[in-house]
Amino acid sequence: MRTVKLGGTGLQVSALGLGCTGLSEFFGPTDRNESLTTLRKAAELGITFLDTSDYCGIDSANERLIGEFLAGNSR
């Protein structure tokens, strides 16, 4: 996966990102296991840019899901 610099920080992220809004709600019913499978597949493909915000999910549900995944507790 090609990477690009993010701003002036020198941080490198994948050129292709994953929009994560739908992982926890908004676009119909969600399934936690399917969302975690999606995150695992994205990581397997080299995607390191996960696009989310505090708007994406009630009570930061999206951030908690991604945090769990990144901490390695989603297996």
N, C-alpha and C. Protein backbone atom coordinates (compact mmCIF):
# COMPACT_ATOMS: atom_id res chain seq x y z
N MET A 1 0.85 -1.18 0.00
CA MET A 1 0.00 0.00 0.00
C MET A 1 0.89 1.24 0.00
N ARG A 2 0.62 2.12 -0.91
CA ARG A 2 1.36 3.39 -0.97
C ARG A 2 1.00 4.22 0.25
N THR A 3 1.99 4.94 0.78
CA THR A 3 1.75 5.82 1.92
C THR A 3 2.01 7.26 1.53
N VAL A 4 1.44 8.16 2.30
CA VAL A 4 1.63 9.59 2.10
C VAL A 4 1.88 10.24 3.46
N LYS A 5 2.55 11.40 3.45
CA LYS A 5 2.74 12.16 4.68
C LYS A 5 1.45 12.86 5.04
N LEU A 6 1.14 12.86 6.32
CA LEU A 6 -0.06 13.52 6.81
C LEU A 6 0.36 14.86 7.41
N GLY A 7 0.06 15.93 6.70
CA GLY A 7 0.42 17.26 7.17
C GLY A 7 1.91 17.45 7.31
N GLY A 8 2.33 18.32 8.22
CA GLY A 8 3.74 18.61 8.41
C GLY A 8 4.37 17.80 9.53
N THR A 9 3.65 16.80 10.04
CA THR A 9 4.14 16.04 11.19
C THR A 9 5.14 14.95 10.81
N GLY A 10 5.15 14.57 9.55
CA GLY A 10 6.00 13.47 9.12
C GLY A 10 5.33 12.12 9.28
N LEU A 11 4.15 12.09 9.88
CA LEU A 11 3.41 10.85 10.05
C LEU A 11 3.03 10.29 8.68
N GLN A 12 3.27 9.01 8.48
CA GLN A 12 2.93 8.34 7.23
C GLN A 12 1.66 7.52 7.42
N VAL A 13 0.72 7.67 6.51
CA VAL A 13 -0.51 6.88 6.55
C VAL A 13 -0.75 6.29 5.16
N SER A 14 -1.58 5.28 5.09
CA SER A 14 -1.90 4.69 3.80
C SER A 14 -2.62 5.71 2.93
N ALA A 15 -2.35 5.67 1.64
CA ALA A 15 -3.00 6.60 0.71
C ALA A 15 -4.50 6.32 0.63
N LEU A 16 -4.88 5.10 0.89
CA LEU A 16 -6.29 4.72 0.91
C LEU A 16 -6.72 4.60 2.37
N GLY A 17 -7.83 5.23 2.70
CA GLY A 17 -8.32 5.17 4.07
C GLY A 17 -9.62 4.41 4.16
N LEU A 18 -10.03 4.12 5.39
CA LEU A 18 -11.30 3.46 5.63
C LEU A 18 -12.21 4.42 6.38
N GLY A 19 -13.32 4.79 5.77
CA GLY A 19 -14.33 5.60 6.45
C GLY A 19 -15.07 4.72 7.44
N CYS A 20 -15.01 5.05 8.71
CA CYS A 20 -15.50 4.15 9.76
C CYS A 20 -16.86 4.51 10.33
N THR A 21 -17.51 5.53 9.81
CA THR A 21 -18.79 5.97 10.38
C THR A 21 -19.79 4.83 10.49
N GLY A 22 -19.91 4.02 9.47
CA GLY A 22 -20.91 2.95 9.44
C GLY A 22 -20.59 1.75 10.30
N LEU A 23 -19.44 1.73 10.97
CA LEU A 23 -19.09 0.57 11.77
C LEU A 23 -19.92 0.45 13.03
N SER A 24 -20.46 1.55 13.52
CA SER A 24 -21.21 1.50 14.78
C SER A 24 -22.65 1.97 14.67
N GLU A 25 -23.01 2.69 13.62
CA GLU A 25 -24.41 3.09 13.40
C GLU A 25 -24.54 3.97 12.16
N PHE A 26 -25.66 4.60 11.98
CA PHE A 26 -25.98 5.58 10.95
C PHE A 26 -26.49 5.03 9.63
N PHE A 27 -25.97 3.95 9.10
CA PHE A 27 -26.36 3.48 7.77
C PHE A 27 -27.14 2.18 7.84
N GLY A 28 -27.87 1.97 8.91
CA GLY A 28 -28.63 0.74 9.09
C GLY A 28 -28.05 -0.08 10.23
N PRO A 29 -28.58 -1.28 10.39
CA PRO A 29 -28.12 -2.14 11.48
C PRO A 29 -26.62 -2.45 11.36
N THR A 30 -25.98 -2.60 12.49
CA THR A 30 -24.55 -2.94 12.49
C THR A 30 -24.34 -4.23 13.27
N ASP A 31 -23.23 -4.86 13.00
CA ASP A 31 -22.85 -6.09 13.67
C ASP A 31 -21.41 -5.93 14.14
N ARG A 32 -21.19 -5.97 15.44
CA ARG A 32 -19.86 -5.74 16.01
C ARG A 32 -18.82 -6.66 15.39
N ASN A 33 -19.14 -7.95 15.26
CA ASN A 33 -18.17 -8.89 14.70
C ASN A 33 -17.84 -8.58 13.25
N GLU A 34 -18.84 -8.18 12.47
CA GLU A 34 -18.60 -7.80 11.08
C GLU A 34 -17.74 -6.54 11.01
N SER A 35 -17.99 -5.60 11.91
CA SER A 35 -17.19 -4.37 11.94
C SER A 35 -15.73 -4.68 12.27
N LEU A 36 -15.52 -5.57 13.23
CA LEU A 36 -14.15 -5.96 13.58
C LEU A 36 -13.49 -6.72 12.44
N THR A 37 -14.26 -7.55 11.73
CA THR A 37 -13.74 -8.25 10.56
C THR A 37 -13.32 -7.26 9.49
N THR A 38 -14.11 -6.22 9.30
CA THR A 38 -13.77 -5.17 8.33
C THR A 38 -12.46 -4.48 8.72
N LEU A 39 -12.30 -4.15 9.99
CA LEU A 39 -11.07 -3.51 10.46
C LEU A 39 -9.87 -4.43 10.28
N ARG A 40 -10.04 -5.72 10.58
CA ARG A 40 -8.93 -6.67 10.40
C ARG A 40 -8.53 -6.78 8.94
N LYS A 41 -9.51 -6.84 8.04
CA LYS A 41 -9.23 -6.94 6.61
C LYS A 41 -8.52 -5.69 6.12
N ALA A 42 -8.97 -4.53 6.57
CA ALA A 42 -8.32 -3.27 6.18
C ALA A 42 -6.85 -3.28 6.62
N ALA A 43 -6.60 -3.71 7.84
CA ALA A 43 -5.22 -3.77 8.35
C ALA A 43 -4.40 -4.77 7.53
N GLU A 44 -5.00 -5.90 7.20
CA GLU A 44 -4.33 -6.91 6.38
C GLU A 44 -3.93 -6.35 5.02
N LEU A 45 -4.74 -5.46 4.47
CA LEU A 45 -4.47 -4.83 3.18
C LEU A 45 -3.51 -3.65 3.27
N GLY A 46 -3.11 -3.30 4.49
CA GLY A 46 -2.16 -2.21 4.67
C GLY A 46 -2.78 -0.85 4.92
N ILE A 47 -4.08 -0.81 5.17
CA ILE A 47 -4.75 0.46 5.44
C ILE A 47 -4.47 0.87 6.88
N THR A 48 -3.85 2.04 7.04
CA THR A 48 -3.52 2.56 8.37
C THR A 48 -4.25 3.86 8.69
N PHE A 49 -5.01 4.38 7.73
CA PHE A 49 -5.74 5.62 7.93
C PHE A 49 -7.21 5.29 8.16
N LEU A 50 -7.64 5.38 9.43
CA LEU A 50 -9.02 5.10 9.81
C LEU A 50 -9.70 6.43 10.09
N ASP A 51 -10.69 6.78 9.28
CA ASP A 51 -11.36 8.06 9.35
C ASP A 51 -12.58 7.96 10.27
N THR A 52 -12.51 8.61 11.42
CA THR A 52 -13.61 8.62 12.37
C THR A 52 -13.61 9.95 13.13
N SER A 53 -14.62 10.15 13.92
CA SER A 53 -14.69 11.35 14.78
C SER A 53 -15.66 11.07 15.91
N ASP A 54 -15.76 11.98 16.87
CA ASP A 54 -16.67 11.77 17.98
C ASP A 54 -18.13 11.83 17.53
N TYR A 55 -18.38 12.26 16.32
CA TYR A 55 -19.73 12.28 15.76
C TYR A 55 -20.18 10.86 15.37
N CYS A 56 -19.24 9.96 15.17
CA CYS A 56 -19.51 8.62 14.64
C CYS A 56 -19.87 7.64 15.73
N GLY A 57 -21.06 7.74 16.24
CA GLY A 57 -21.52 6.77 17.23
C GLY A 57 -21.90 7.42 18.54
N ILE A 58 -22.97 6.95 19.11
CA ILE A 58 -23.42 7.45 20.40
C ILE A 58 -22.40 7.08 21.47
N ASP A 59 -22.08 8.04 22.33
CA ASP A 59 -21.12 7.83 23.42
C ASP A 59 -19.79 7.29 22.93
N SER A 60 -19.31 7.82 21.80
CA SER A 60 -18.01 7.42 21.24
C SER A 60 -17.93 5.93 20.92
N ALA A 61 -19.03 5.34 20.52
CA ALA A 61 -19.06 3.90 20.22
C ALA A 61 -18.04 3.53 19.14
N ASN A 62 -17.91 4.37 18.14
CA ASN A 62 -16.98 4.07 17.05
C ASN A 62 -15.53 4.11 17.53
N GLU A 63 -15.19 5.10 18.32
CA GLU A 63 -13.83 5.20 18.83
C GLU A 63 -13.50 4.04 19.77
N ARG A 64 -14.48 3.63 20.57
CA ARG A 64 -14.25 2.50 21.46
C ARG A 64 -14.04 1.21 20.67
N LEU A 65 -14.82 1.02 19.60
CA LEU A 65 -14.66 -0.15 18.75
C LEU A 65 -13.27 -0.16 18.10
N ILE A 66 -12.86 0.95 17.54
CA ILE A 66 -11.54 1.05 16.90
C ILE A 66 -10.44 0.90 17.94
N GLY A 67 -10.62 1.51 19.11
CA GLY A 67 -9.62 1.37 20.17
C GLY A 67 -9.45 -0.08 20.60
N GLU A 68 -10.56 -0.79 20.72
CA GLU A 68 -10.50 -2.21 21.06
C GLU A 68 -9.72 -2.98 20.00
N PHE A 69 -10.03 -2.69 18.74
CA PHE A 69 -9.34 -3.34 17.64
C PHE A 69 -7.83 -3.05 17.70
N LEU A 70 -7.48 -1.79 17.84
CA LEU A 70 -6.06 -1.40 17.86
C LEU A 70 -5.32 -1.97 19.06
N ALA A 71 -6.02 -2.15 20.16
CA ALA A 71 -5.39 -2.72 21.36
C ALA A 71 -5.21 -4.24 21.23
N GLY A 72 -5.82 -4.83 20.21
CA GLY A 72 -5.68 -6.26 19.98
C GLY A 72 -6.63 -7.12 20.80
N ASN A 73 -7.68 -6.51 21.31
CA ASN A 73 -8.62 -7.24 22.15
C ASN A 73 -9.86 -7.69 21.39
N SER A 74 -9.80 -7.72 20.07
CA SER A 74 -10.99 -8.01 19.28
C SER A 74 -11.01 -9.42 18.71
N ARG A 75 -10.17 -10.28 19.18
CA ARG A 75 -10.09 -11.64 18.60
C ARG A 75 -11.07 -12.57 19.20
